[in-house]
Amino acid sequence: MRTMAGTPRVENLYLIAGLGNPGKAYARTRHNAGFLVAENLARRWRANWTEGKKFHVRLARVERDDRKLLLCEPQTYMNTSGEAVRALVDYYQVPLNQVLVVMDDADLRLGEIRMRPGGSSGGHHGLESIEQHLRTREYPRLRIGIGRTESGARRITDYVLDEFSAEERELVEKAVDRAADQVECWVSQGIARAMSQFNGVVTA
């Protein structure tokens, strides 16, 4: 992958990109599960969000245990998430194994979380955009299960842009909190430990 000129490479730099759509209209929708995890991490790390207009992201920086962490929420809308992620990777020269993308997955049951070191997009448009811009599938990703309608009567586009129901919210909050724990484990202990310790279904 070619990179643009940016800052000198910083050792122990990690980028966590939570995917979603910007704006109040989308804030509580299923498609914004990645934003929910990023915001959970920002609260627990007491990190302040800034508007990274140069990269079209919301960005929060923090240092923990000699590691420099970048939290980002692309503001380019889900289907063009790759533009913002690529710009940050290039500018900060982040190794791809230290880039973690967090997003919703309608093919996982509600409350299930699954981290993987790479793989296909599975039809997720945010991942498709990132794969296109990074020109590789080999970067870690964390999927947050949002379930899928049983009947198939409604299109998936309508489903992911719906808000979580009142009955779903408690389970979603637990899943988001566990996903944030998994991100912290990934940073401190590596992806193998994070997968073995946290992948699975969260129960209400």
N, C-alpha and C. Protein backbone atom coordinates (compact mmCIF):
# COMPACT_ATOMS: atom_id res chain seq x y z
N MET A 1 0.84 -1.19 0.00
CA MET A 1 0.00 0.00 0.00
C MET A 1 0.88 1.24 0.00
N ARG A 2 0.66 2.13 -0.95
CA ARG A 2 1.39 3.39 -0.97
C ARG A 2 0.85 4.32 0.10
N THR A 3 1.71 5.12 0.67
CA THR A 3 1.27 6.06 1.69
C THR A 3 1.64 7.47 1.28
N MET A 4 0.85 8.45 1.76
CA MET A 4 1.16 9.84 1.54
C MET A 4 2.10 10.31 2.63
N ALA A 5 2.78 11.41 2.38
CA ALA A 5 3.67 11.96 3.39
C ALA A 5 2.85 12.41 4.59
N GLY A 6 3.34 12.07 5.77
CA GLY A 6 2.64 12.45 6.99
C GLY A 6 3.62 12.70 8.10
N THR A 7 3.21 12.43 9.31
CA THR A 7 4.10 12.59 10.44
C THR A 7 5.07 11.42 10.48
N PRO A 8 6.22 11.56 11.17
CA PRO A 8 7.09 10.41 11.34
C PRO A 8 6.35 9.31 12.09
N ARG A 9 6.64 8.06 11.76
CA ARG A 9 5.94 6.95 12.40
C ARG A 9 6.19 6.96 13.91
N VAL A 10 5.10 6.81 14.67
CA VAL A 10 5.18 6.76 16.12
C VAL A 10 5.02 5.31 16.56
N GLU A 11 5.97 4.82 17.35
CA GLU A 11 5.88 3.45 17.84
C GLU A 11 4.70 3.34 18.82
N ASN A 12 4.12 2.15 18.88
CA ASN A 12 3.02 1.88 19.81
C ASN A 12 1.82 2.79 19.58
N LEU A 13 1.54 3.10 18.32
CA LEU A 13 0.37 3.90 17.97
C LEU A 13 -0.74 2.99 17.45
N TYR A 14 -1.94 3.14 18.01
CA TYR A 14 -3.08 2.32 17.65
C TYR A 14 -4.23 3.21 17.21
N LEU A 15 -4.92 2.79 16.16
CA LEU A 15 -6.08 3.52 15.65
C LEU A 15 -7.32 2.64 15.80
N ILE A 16 -8.32 3.13 16.53
CA ILE A 16 -9.59 2.44 16.68
C ILE A 16 -10.65 3.27 15.97
N ALA A 17 -11.20 2.74 14.89
CA ALA A 17 -12.18 3.45 14.07
C ALA A 17 -13.55 2.83 14.29
N GLY A 18 -14.44 3.57 14.95
CA GLY A 18 -15.82 3.14 15.09
C GLY A 18 -16.63 3.67 13.92
N LEU A 19 -17.36 2.80 13.24
CA LEU A 19 -18.10 3.20 12.05
C LEU A 19 -19.55 3.53 12.37
N GLY A 20 -20.10 4.46 11.60
CA GLY A 20 -21.49 4.86 11.74
C GLY A 20 -21.80 6.00 10.80
N ASN A 21 -22.94 6.62 11.01
CA ASN A 21 -23.35 7.79 10.24
C ASN A 21 -23.43 9.00 11.17
N PRO A 22 -22.91 10.14 10.74
CA PRO A 22 -22.95 11.33 11.60
C PRO A 22 -24.34 11.95 11.65
N GLY A 23 -24.59 12.70 12.72
CA GLY A 23 -25.85 13.43 12.82
C GLY A 23 -26.82 12.81 13.82
N LYS A 24 -27.65 13.66 14.42
CA LYS A 24 -28.58 13.22 15.45
C LYS A 24 -29.59 12.20 14.93
N ALA A 25 -29.93 12.31 13.66
CA ALA A 25 -30.93 11.40 13.10
C ALA A 25 -30.50 9.95 13.13
N TYR A 26 -29.18 9.72 13.15
CA TYR A 26 -28.66 8.34 13.11
C TYR A 26 -28.08 7.88 14.44
N ALA A 27 -28.07 8.76 15.44
CA ALA A 27 -27.29 8.51 16.66
C ALA A 27 -27.64 7.21 17.36
N ARG A 28 -28.91 6.84 17.38
CA ARG A 28 -29.33 5.65 18.14
C ARG A 28 -29.71 4.48 17.23
N THR A 29 -29.28 4.52 15.99
CA THR A 29 -29.64 3.45 15.06
C THR A 29 -28.67 2.28 15.17
N ARG A 30 -29.13 1.13 14.68
CA ARG A 30 -28.32 -0.08 14.74
C ARG A 30 -27.00 0.08 13.97
N HIS A 31 -27.04 0.83 12.87
CA HIS A 31 -25.86 1.00 12.04
C HIS A 31 -24.75 1.78 12.75
N ASN A 32 -25.06 2.42 13.87
CA ASN A 32 -24.08 3.22 14.59
C ASN A 32 -23.47 2.49 15.78
N ALA A 33 -23.52 1.18 15.77
CA ALA A 33 -22.94 0.41 16.87
C ALA A 33 -21.44 0.71 17.04
N GLY A 34 -20.74 0.94 15.93
CA GLY A 34 -19.32 1.27 16.02
C GLY A 34 -19.08 2.59 16.73
N PHE A 35 -19.92 3.58 16.45
CA PHE A 35 -19.85 4.86 17.16
C PHE A 35 -20.08 4.65 18.66
N LEU A 36 -21.02 3.78 19.02
CA LEU A 36 -21.33 3.56 20.42
C LEU A 36 -20.13 3.01 21.17
N VAL A 37 -19.39 2.10 20.54
CA VAL A 37 -18.19 1.54 21.18
C VAL A 37 -17.11 2.62 21.32
N ALA A 38 -16.90 3.41 20.26
CA ALA A 38 -15.90 4.48 20.32
C ALA A 38 -16.23 5.47 21.43
N GLU A 39 -17.51 5.81 21.56
CA GLU A 39 -17.91 6.77 22.58
C GLU A 39 -17.79 6.20 23.99
N ASN A 40 -18.03 4.89 24.14
CA ASN A 40 -17.82 4.22 25.42
C ASN A 40 -16.34 4.30 25.82
N LEU A 41 -15.46 4.03 24.88
CA LEU A 41 -14.02 4.10 25.16
C LEU A 41 -13.58 5.52 25.50
N ALA A 42 -14.10 6.50 24.77
CA ALA A 42 -13.73 7.88 25.06
C ALA A 42 -14.14 8.27 26.48
N ARG A 43 -15.31 7.82 26.93
CA ARG A 43 -15.76 8.14 28.29
C ARG A 43 -14.86 7.47 29.33
N ARG A 44 -14.58 6.20 29.14
CA ARG A 44 -13.79 5.51 30.16
C ARG A 44 -12.34 5.99 30.17
N TRP A 45 -11.84 6.47 29.02
CA TRP A 45 -10.47 6.99 28.96
C TRP A 45 -10.40 8.50 29.22
N ARG A 46 -11.58 9.12 29.44
CA ARG A 46 -11.66 10.56 29.65
C ARG A 46 -10.96 11.34 28.51
N ALA A 47 -11.23 10.88 27.32
CA ALA A 47 -10.65 11.50 26.12
C ALA A 47 -11.65 12.50 25.55
N ASN A 48 -11.16 13.62 25.10
CA ASN A 48 -12.00 14.67 24.53
C ASN A 48 -12.04 14.57 23.01
N TRP A 49 -13.23 14.66 22.45
CA TRP A 49 -13.39 14.62 21.00
C TRP A 49 -13.05 15.99 20.40
N THR A 50 -12.38 15.97 19.27
CA THR A 50 -12.13 17.17 18.49
C THR A 50 -12.59 16.92 17.06
N GLU A 51 -12.80 17.99 16.34
CA GLU A 51 -13.23 17.87 14.94
C GLU A 51 -12.00 17.84 14.06
N GLY A 52 -11.64 16.65 13.57
CA GLY A 52 -10.50 16.52 12.67
C GLY A 52 -10.95 16.79 11.24
N LYS A 53 -11.20 18.06 10.93
CA LYS A 53 -11.77 18.41 9.62
C LYS A 53 -10.86 18.02 8.47
N LYS A 54 -9.55 18.04 8.72
CA LYS A 54 -8.60 17.66 7.67
C LYS A 54 -8.84 16.23 7.20
N PHE A 55 -9.29 15.38 8.13
CA PHE A 55 -9.49 13.96 7.82
C PHE A 55 -10.97 13.58 7.74
N HIS A 56 -11.87 14.54 7.98
CA HIS A 56 -13.31 14.28 7.98
C HIS A 56 -13.68 13.26 9.05
N VAL A 57 -13.21 13.49 10.26
CA VAL A 57 -13.47 12.59 11.38
C VAL A 57 -13.69 13.39 12.66
N ARG A 58 -14.32 12.74 13.64
CA ARG A 58 -14.19 13.15 15.04
C ARG A 58 -13.03 12.34 15.59
N LEU A 59 -12.16 12.99 16.32
CA LEU A 59 -10.92 12.35 16.74
C LEU A 59 -10.67 12.60 18.23
N ALA A 60 -10.25 11.57 18.93
CA ALA A 60 -9.87 11.68 20.34
C ALA A 60 -8.52 10.99 20.52
N ARG A 61 -7.63 11.63 21.25
CA ARG A 61 -6.29 11.09 21.49
C ARG A 61 -6.10 10.82 22.97
N VAL A 62 -5.41 9.73 23.28
CA VAL A 62 -5.13 9.41 24.68
C VAL A 62 -3.87 8.54 24.74
N GLU A 63 -3.17 8.60 25.86
CA GLU A 63 -2.03 7.73 26.11
C GLU A 63 -2.35 6.83 27.29
N ARG A 64 -2.08 5.52 27.12
CA ARG A 64 -2.32 4.54 28.18
C ARG A 64 -1.22 3.50 28.14
N ASP A 65 -0.55 3.33 29.27
CA ASP A 65 0.47 2.28 29.39
C ASP A 65 1.49 2.35 28.26
N ASP A 66 2.02 3.55 28.03
CA ASP A 66 3.05 3.77 27.02
C ASP A 66 2.57 3.55 25.59
N ARG A 67 1.27 3.52 25.40
CA ARG A 67 0.71 3.39 24.06
C ARG A 67 -0.07 4.66 23.72
N LYS A 68 0.04 5.07 22.47
CA LYS A 68 -0.72 6.23 21.99
C LYS A 68 -1.92 5.71 21.20
N LEU A 69 -3.10 6.15 21.60
CA LEU A 69 -4.33 5.64 21.01
C LEU A 69 -5.09 6.76 20.32
N LEU A 70 -5.56 6.47 19.12
CA LEU A 70 -6.41 7.39 18.36
C LEU A 70 -7.79 6.75 18.22
N LEU A 71 -8.80 7.41 18.74
CA LEU A 71 -10.18 7.01 18.50
C LEU A 71 -10.74 7.88 17.39
N CYS A 72 -11.42 7.27 16.44
CA CYS A 72 -12.01 8.11 15.40
C CYS A 72 -13.40 7.63 15.02
N GLU A 73 -14.22 8.59 14.63
CA GLU A 73 -15.53 8.34 14.06
C GLU A 73 -15.57 9.05 12.70
N PRO A 74 -15.45 8.31 11.61
CA PRO A 74 -15.52 8.95 10.29
C PRO A 74 -16.83 9.72 10.13
N GLN A 75 -16.73 10.92 9.57
CA GLN A 75 -17.91 11.76 9.33
C GLN A 75 -18.29 11.76 7.85
N THR A 76 -17.82 10.78 7.13
CA THR A 76 -18.03 10.68 5.69
C THR A 76 -19.26 9.86 5.33
N TYR A 77 -20.02 9.40 6.34
CA TYR A 77 -21.11 8.46 6.19
C TYR A 77 -20.55 7.07 5.93
N MET A 78 -21.35 6.08 6.36
CA MET A 78 -20.87 4.69 6.41
C MET A 78 -20.25 4.21 5.10
N ASN A 79 -20.93 4.46 3.99
CA ASN A 79 -20.50 3.84 2.73
C ASN A 79 -19.20 4.39 2.18
N THR A 80 -18.70 5.49 2.75
CA THR A 80 -17.41 6.04 2.31
C THR A 80 -16.44 6.16 3.49
N SER A 81 -16.58 5.27 4.46
CA SER A 81 -15.72 5.28 5.65
C SER A 81 -14.24 5.15 5.30
N GLY A 82 -13.95 4.45 4.21
CA GLY A 82 -12.56 4.20 3.84
C GLY A 82 -11.76 5.46 3.56
N GLU A 83 -12.42 6.51 3.09
CA GLU A 83 -11.70 7.76 2.81
C GLU A 83 -11.05 8.30 4.07
N ALA A 84 -11.80 8.36 5.17
CA ALA A 84 -11.29 8.90 6.42
C ALA A 84 -10.26 7.97 7.04
N VAL A 85 -10.54 6.67 7.04
CA VAL A 85 -9.60 5.73 7.65
C VAL A 85 -8.28 5.73 6.91
N ARG A 86 -8.32 5.73 5.59
CA ARG A 86 -7.08 5.75 4.80
C ARG A 86 -6.28 7.03 5.08
N ALA A 87 -6.95 8.16 5.17
CA ALA A 87 -6.25 9.42 5.42
C ALA A 87 -5.51 9.39 6.75
N LEU A 88 -6.14 8.84 7.79
CA LEU A 88 -5.50 8.75 9.10
C LEU A 88 -4.35 7.76 9.09
N VAL A 89 -4.55 6.60 8.47
CA VAL A 89 -3.49 5.59 8.38
C VAL A 89 -2.27 6.17 7.69
N ASP A 90 -2.49 6.89 6.60
CA ASP A 90 -1.37 7.47 5.86
C ASP A 90 -0.67 8.57 6.65
N TYR A 91 -1.45 9.46 7.23
CA TYR A 91 -0.86 10.61 7.90
C TYR A 91 -0.06 10.19 9.13
N TYR A 92 -0.63 9.28 9.93
CA TYR A 92 0.05 8.86 11.15
C TYR A 92 0.91 7.62 10.97
N GLN A 93 0.90 7.05 9.74
CA GLN A 93 1.69 5.88 9.41
C GLN A 93 1.44 4.74 10.40
N VAL A 94 0.16 4.43 10.59
CA VAL A 94 -0.23 3.38 11.53
C VAL A 94 -0.08 2.01 10.86
N PRO A 95 0.65 1.06 11.45
CA PRO A 95 0.71 -0.29 10.89
C PRO A 95 -0.69 -0.90 10.85
N LEU A 96 -1.00 -1.62 9.78
CA LEU A 96 -2.37 -2.11 9.62
C LEU A 96 -2.78 -3.09 10.70
N ASN A 97 -1.83 -3.80 11.30
CA ASN A 97 -2.20 -4.71 12.39
C ASN A 97 -2.51 -3.96 13.67
N GLN A 98 -2.32 -2.63 13.65
CA GLN A 98 -2.65 -1.79 14.80
C GLN A 98 -3.81 -0.83 14.47
N VAL A 99 -4.57 -1.21 13.44
CA VAL A 99 -5.80 -0.50 13.06
C VAL A 99 -6.97 -1.43 13.34
N LEU A 100 -7.89 -1.01 14.18
CA LEU A 100 -9.06 -1.82 14.50
C LEU A 100 -10.32 -1.09 14.06
N VAL A 101 -11.12 -1.74 13.23
CA VAL A 101 -12.38 -1.18 12.75
C VAL A 101 -13.53 -1.84 13.51
N VAL A 102 -14.41 -1.04 14.07
CA VAL A 102 -15.54 -1.55 14.87
C VAL A 102 -16.83 -1.17 14.17
N MET A 103 -17.70 -2.15 13.92
CA MET A 103 -18.93 -1.85 13.18
C MET A 103 -20.03 -2.83 13.54
N ASP A 104 -21.25 -2.54 13.10
CA ASP A 104 -22.40 -3.41 13.29
C ASP A 104 -22.35 -4.59 12.33
N ASP A 105 -23.05 -5.66 12.70
CA ASP A 105 -23.17 -6.82 11.81
C ASP A 105 -24.55 -7.43 11.98
N ALA A 106 -25.35 -7.35 10.94
CA ALA A 106 -26.72 -7.88 11.00
C ALA A 106 -26.76 -9.40 10.94
N ASP A 107 -25.66 -10.04 10.55
CA ASP A 107 -25.63 -11.50 10.47
C ASP A 107 -25.23 -12.15 11.78
N LEU A 108 -24.85 -11.35 12.78
CA LEU A 108 -24.61 -11.87 14.12
C LEU A 108 -25.83 -11.55 14.98
N ARG A 109 -26.16 -12.47 15.86
CA ARG A 109 -27.32 -12.24 16.72
C ARG A 109 -27.10 -11.02 17.62
N LEU A 110 -28.17 -10.40 18.03
CA LEU A 110 -28.09 -9.23 18.87
C LEU A 110 -27.30 -9.57 20.14
N GLY A 111 -26.27 -8.77 20.42
CA GLY A 111 -25.46 -8.97 21.61
C GLY A 111 -24.22 -9.81 21.41
N GLU A 112 -24.03 -10.38 20.22
CA GLU A 112 -22.82 -11.16 19.96
C GLU A 112 -21.71 -10.23 19.47
N ILE A 113 -20.49 -10.46 19.92
CA ILE A 113 -19.35 -9.70 19.42
C ILE A 113 -18.31 -10.67 18.87
N ARG A 114 -17.63 -10.23 17.82
CA ARG A 114 -16.65 -11.13 17.17
C ARG A 114 -15.52 -10.30 16.59
N MET A 115 -14.32 -10.52 17.11
CA MET A 115 -13.11 -9.88 16.58
C MET A 115 -12.37 -10.87 15.69
N ARG A 116 -11.82 -10.37 14.59
CA ARG A 116 -11.04 -11.19 13.68
C ARG A 116 -9.85 -10.37 13.17
N PRO A 117 -8.74 -11.03 12.79
CA PRO A 117 -7.57 -10.29 12.30
C PRO A 117 -7.69 -9.84 10.85
N GLY A 118 -8.71 -10.30 10.14
CA GLY A 118 -8.89 -9.94 8.73
C GLY A 118 -10.10 -10.68 8.19
N GLY A 119 -10.28 -10.65 6.87
CA GLY A 119 -11.38 -11.38 6.27
C GLY A 119 -12.17 -10.52 5.30
N SER A 120 -13.27 -11.08 4.81
CA SER A 120 -14.08 -10.39 3.82
C SER A 120 -14.99 -9.37 4.49
N SER A 121 -15.59 -8.52 3.67
CA SER A 121 -16.49 -7.50 4.19
C SER A 121 -17.83 -8.09 4.63
N GLY A 122 -18.17 -9.25 4.09
CA GLY A 122 -19.47 -9.84 4.41
C GLY A 122 -20.63 -9.00 3.93
N GLY A 123 -20.38 -8.15 2.92
CA GLY A 123 -21.43 -7.29 2.39
C GLY A 123 -21.63 -6.00 3.15
N HIS A 124 -20.80 -5.75 4.16
CA HIS A 124 -20.91 -4.51 4.94
C HIS A 124 -20.26 -3.38 4.14
N HIS A 125 -21.02 -2.34 3.83
CA HIS A 125 -20.53 -1.30 2.93
C HIS A 125 -19.40 -0.47 3.53
N GLY A 126 -19.40 -0.31 4.85
CA GLY A 126 -18.30 0.39 5.48
C GLY A 126 -16.98 -0.36 5.31
N LEU A 127 -17.02 -1.67 5.53
CA LEU A 127 -15.82 -2.49 5.33
C LEU A 127 -15.41 -2.53 3.86
N GLU A 128 -16.39 -2.57 2.97
CA GLU A 128 -16.07 -2.57 1.54
C GLU A 128 -15.29 -1.31 1.17
N SER A 129 -15.72 -0.17 1.71
CA SER A 129 -15.03 1.09 1.43
C SER A 129 -13.61 1.09 2.00
N ILE A 130 -13.46 0.58 3.21
CA ILE A 130 -12.12 0.53 3.81
C ILE A 130 -11.21 -0.40 3.04
N GLU A 131 -11.73 -1.55 2.66
CA GLU A 131 -10.94 -2.49 1.85
C GLU A 131 -10.51 -1.84 0.53
N GLN A 132 -11.41 -1.11 -0.09
CA GLN A 132 -11.09 -0.44 -1.35
C GLN A 132 -9.97 0.58 -1.17
N HIS A 133 -10.02 1.36 -0.10
CA HIS A 133 -9.04 2.43 0.10
C HIS A 133 -7.72 1.91 0.66
N LEU A 134 -7.76 0.91 1.52
CA LEU A 134 -6.52 0.35 2.04
C LEU A 134 -5.91 -0.69 1.10
N ARG A 135 -6.73 -1.17 0.17
CA ARG A 135 -6.31 -2.18 -0.82
C ARG A 135 -5.88 -3.48 -0.16
N THR A 136 -6.53 -3.82 0.91
CA THR A 136 -6.27 -5.08 1.60
C THR A 136 -7.44 -5.40 2.51
N ARG A 137 -7.59 -6.69 2.81
CA ARG A 137 -8.56 -7.14 3.80
C ARG A 137 -7.88 -7.44 5.14
N GLU A 138 -6.57 -7.30 5.16
CA GLU A 138 -5.80 -7.74 6.33
C GLU A 138 -5.63 -6.62 7.34
N TYR A 139 -6.68 -6.35 8.05
CA TYR A 139 -6.66 -5.43 9.19
C TYR A 139 -7.71 -5.93 10.18
N PRO A 140 -7.47 -5.79 11.47
CA PRO A 140 -8.43 -6.31 12.46
C PRO A 140 -9.76 -5.59 12.41
N ARG A 141 -10.82 -6.34 12.72
CA ARG A 141 -12.16 -5.77 12.78
C ARG A 141 -12.93 -6.42 13.92
N LEU A 142 -13.82 -5.64 14.51
CA LEU A 142 -14.66 -6.10 15.61
C LEU A 142 -16.11 -5.87 15.22
N ARG A 143 -16.85 -6.96 15.09
CA ARG A 143 -18.25 -6.90 14.67
C ARG A 143 -19.17 -6.94 15.89
N ILE A 144 -20.16 -6.07 15.90
CA ILE A 144 -21.15 -6.01 16.97
C ILE A 144 -22.48 -6.50 16.41
N GLY A 145 -22.97 -7.61 16.91
CA GLY A 145 -24.21 -8.17 16.37
C GLY A 145 -25.42 -7.32 16.65
N ILE A 146 -26.20 -7.07 15.61
CA ILE A 146 -27.44 -6.30 15.77
C ILE A 146 -28.66 -7.11 15.35
N GLY A 147 -28.45 -8.40 15.03
CA GLY A 147 -29.57 -9.26 14.66
C GLY A 147 -30.11 -8.92 13.29
N ARG A 148 -31.11 -9.64 12.89
CA ARG A 148 -31.73 -9.42 11.58
C ARG A 148 -33.19 -9.82 11.68
N THR A 149 -34.05 -9.14 10.94
CA THR A 149 -35.47 -9.48 10.97
C THR A 149 -35.67 -10.90 10.45
N GLU A 150 -36.55 -11.65 11.12
CA GLU A 150 -36.78 -13.04 10.77
C GLU A 150 -37.47 -13.20 9.42
N SER A 151 -38.47 -12.35 9.17
CA SER A 151 -39.31 -12.56 8.00
C SER A 151 -38.64 -12.18 6.70
N GLY A 152 -37.66 -11.25 6.79
CA GLY A 152 -37.03 -10.77 5.57
C GLY A 152 -37.93 -9.84 4.78
N ALA A 153 -39.06 -9.46 5.39
CA ALA A 153 -40.01 -8.62 4.67
C ALA A 153 -39.46 -7.21 4.45
N ARG A 154 -38.63 -6.76 5.37
CA ARG A 154 -38.06 -5.41 5.23
C ARG A 154 -36.63 -5.52 4.73
N ARG A 155 -36.24 -4.56 3.92
CA ARG A 155 -34.88 -4.56 3.42
C ARG A 155 -33.90 -4.29 4.54
N ILE A 156 -32.70 -4.85 4.42
CA ILE A 156 -31.69 -4.68 5.45
C ILE A 156 -31.34 -3.20 5.65
N THR A 157 -31.42 -2.41 4.57
CA THR A 157 -31.12 -0.98 4.68
C THR A 157 -32.07 -0.31 5.66
N ASP A 158 -33.35 -0.65 5.58
CA ASP A 158 -34.33 -0.08 6.51
C ASP A 158 -34.04 -0.54 7.93
N TYR A 159 -33.70 -1.81 8.07
CA TYR A 159 -33.49 -2.39 9.40
C TYR A 159 -32.32 -1.72 10.12
N VAL A 160 -31.17 -1.59 9.45
CA VAL A 160 -30.00 -1.05 10.14
C VAL A 160 -30.15 0.42 10.48
N LEU A 161 -31.04 1.12 9.78
CA LEU A 161 -31.25 2.54 10.06
C LEU A 161 -32.39 2.78 11.06
N ASP A 162 -32.97 1.70 11.57
CA ASP A 162 -33.94 1.82 12.66
C ASP A 162 -33.19 1.97 13.99
N GLU A 163 -33.86 2.59 14.97
CA GLU A 163 -33.30 2.67 16.31
C GLU A 163 -33.50 1.34 17.04
N PHE A 164 -32.62 1.06 18.00
CA PHE A 164 -32.82 -0.09 18.86
C PHE A 164 -34.13 0.09 19.64
N SER A 165 -34.85 -0.99 19.82
CA SER A 165 -36.08 -0.92 20.59
C SER A 165 -35.75 -0.81 22.08
N ALA A 166 -36.75 -0.42 22.87
CA ALA A 166 -36.56 -0.32 24.32
C ALA A 166 -36.15 -1.67 24.90
N GLU A 167 -36.69 -2.76 24.37
CA GLU A 167 -36.37 -4.10 24.86
C GLU A 167 -34.93 -4.49 24.53
N GLU A 168 -34.39 -3.95 23.45
CA GLU A 168 -33.04 -4.31 23.02
C GLU A 168 -31.94 -3.53 23.74
N ARG A 169 -32.27 -2.37 24.28
CA ARG A 169 -31.22 -1.44 24.72
C ARG A 169 -30.35 -1.97 25.83
N GLU A 170 -30.93 -2.67 26.80
CA GLU A 170 -30.12 -3.19 27.90
C GLU A 170 -29.06 -4.16 27.39
N LEU A 171 -29.46 -5.05 26.49
CA LEU A 171 -28.51 -6.01 25.93
C LEU A 171 -27.47 -5.30 25.08
N VAL A 172 -27.89 -4.32 24.30
CA VAL A 172 -26.94 -3.57 23.47
C VAL A 172 -25.90 -2.87 24.33
N GLU A 173 -26.34 -2.25 25.42
CA GLU A 173 -25.40 -1.56 26.30
C GLU A 173 -24.38 -2.53 26.88
N LYS A 174 -24.81 -3.73 27.25
CA LYS A 174 -23.89 -4.72 27.78
C LYS A 174 -22.90 -5.18 26.70
N ALA A 175 -23.40 -5.35 25.47
CA ALA A 175 -22.53 -5.77 24.38
C ALA A 175 -21.50 -4.70 24.05
N VAL A 176 -21.93 -3.45 24.04
CA VAL A 176 -21.01 -2.33 23.76
C VAL A 176 -19.95 -2.25 24.84
N ASP A 177 -20.34 -2.43 26.09
CA ASP A 177 -19.38 -2.38 27.19
C ASP A 177 -18.38 -3.52 27.09
N ARG A 178 -18.85 -4.71 26.74
CA ARG A 178 -17.94 -5.85 26.59
C ARG A 178 -17.02 -5.64 25.38
N ALA A 179 -17.56 -5.07 24.31
CA ALA A 179 -16.73 -4.78 23.14
C ALA A 179 -15.63 -3.79 23.50
N ALA A 180 -15.94 -2.79 24.31
CA ALA A 180 -14.92 -1.84 24.75
C ALA A 180 -13.85 -2.54 25.59
N ASP A 181 -14.27 -3.48 26.45
CA ASP A 181 -13.30 -4.29 27.20
C ASP A 181 -12.39 -5.06 26.23
N GLN A 182 -12.98 -5.58 25.16
CA GLN A 182 -12.21 -6.35 24.20
C GLN A 182 -11.19 -5.48 23.48
N VAL A 183 -11.58 -4.25 23.15
CA VAL A 183 -10.64 -3.32 22.51
C VAL A 183 -9.45 -3.07 23.43
N GLU A 184 -9.71 -2.85 24.71
CA GLU A 184 -8.63 -2.62 25.66
C GLU A 184 -7.70 -3.83 25.74
N CYS A 185 -8.28 -5.02 25.71
CA CYS A 185 -7.47 -6.24 25.73
C CYS A 185 -6.64 -6.35 24.46
N TRP A 186 -7.24 -6.03 23.32
CA TRP A 186 -6.50 -6.06 22.04
C TRP A 186 -5.28 -5.15 22.09
N VAL A 187 -5.44 -3.96 22.64
CA VAL A 187 -4.33 -3.01 22.72
C VAL A 187 -3.25 -3.53 23.66
N SER A 188 -3.64 -4.05 24.80
CA SER A 188 -2.66 -4.39 25.84
C SER A 188 -2.09 -5.80 25.72
N GLN A 189 -2.90 -6.75 25.19
CA GLN A 189 -2.46 -8.14 25.21
C GLN A 189 -2.48 -8.83 23.84
N GLY A 190 -2.94 -8.13 22.81
CA GLY A 190 -2.90 -8.70 21.48
C GLY A 190 -4.21 -9.33 21.05
N ILE A 191 -4.31 -9.58 19.75
CA ILE A 191 -5.59 -10.02 19.20
C ILE A 191 -5.95 -11.45 19.57
N ALA A 192 -4.97 -12.33 19.70
CA ALA A 192 -5.29 -13.72 20.04
C ALA A 192 -5.96 -13.80 21.41
N ARG A 193 -5.41 -13.10 22.38
CA ARG A 193 -5.99 -13.10 23.72
C ARG A 193 -7.36 -12.42 23.71
N ALA A 194 -7.48 -11.32 22.97
CA ALA A 194 -8.76 -10.61 22.93
C ALA A 194 -9.86 -11.47 22.31
N MET A 195 -9.54 -12.23 21.27
CA MET A 195 -10.53 -13.09 20.64
C MET A 195 -10.94 -14.22 21.58
N SER A 196 -9.96 -14.89 22.18
CA SER A 196 -10.28 -16.04 23.02
C SER A 196 -11.04 -15.65 24.28
N GLN A 197 -10.78 -14.46 24.80
CA GLN A 197 -11.39 -14.06 26.05
C GLN A 197 -12.76 -13.42 25.87
N PHE A 198 -13.02 -12.76 24.74
CA PHE A 198 -14.23 -11.96 24.63
C PHE A 198 -15.18 -12.34 23.51
N ASN A 199 -14.73 -13.01 22.44
CA ASN A 199 -15.65 -13.35 21.37
C ASN A 199 -16.80 -14.22 21.90
N GLY A 200 -18.02 -13.89 21.51
CA GLY A 200 -19.14 -14.69 21.92
C GLY A 200 -20.38 -13.87 22.14
N VAL A 201 -21.38 -14.49 22.75
CA VAL A 201 -22.69 -13.87 22.95
C VAL A 201 -22.78 -13.28 24.35
N VAL A 202 -23.21 -12.04 24.42
CA VAL A 202 -23.47 -11.39 25.70
C VAL A 202 -24.94 -11.63 26.05
N THR A 203 -25.20 -12.02 27.28
CA THR A 203 -26.57 -12.29 27.70
C THR A 203 -27.09 -11.16 28.58
N ALA A 204 -28.38 -10.93 28.53
CA ALA A 204 -28.99 -9.85 29.30
C ALA A 204 -28.99 -10.19 30.80
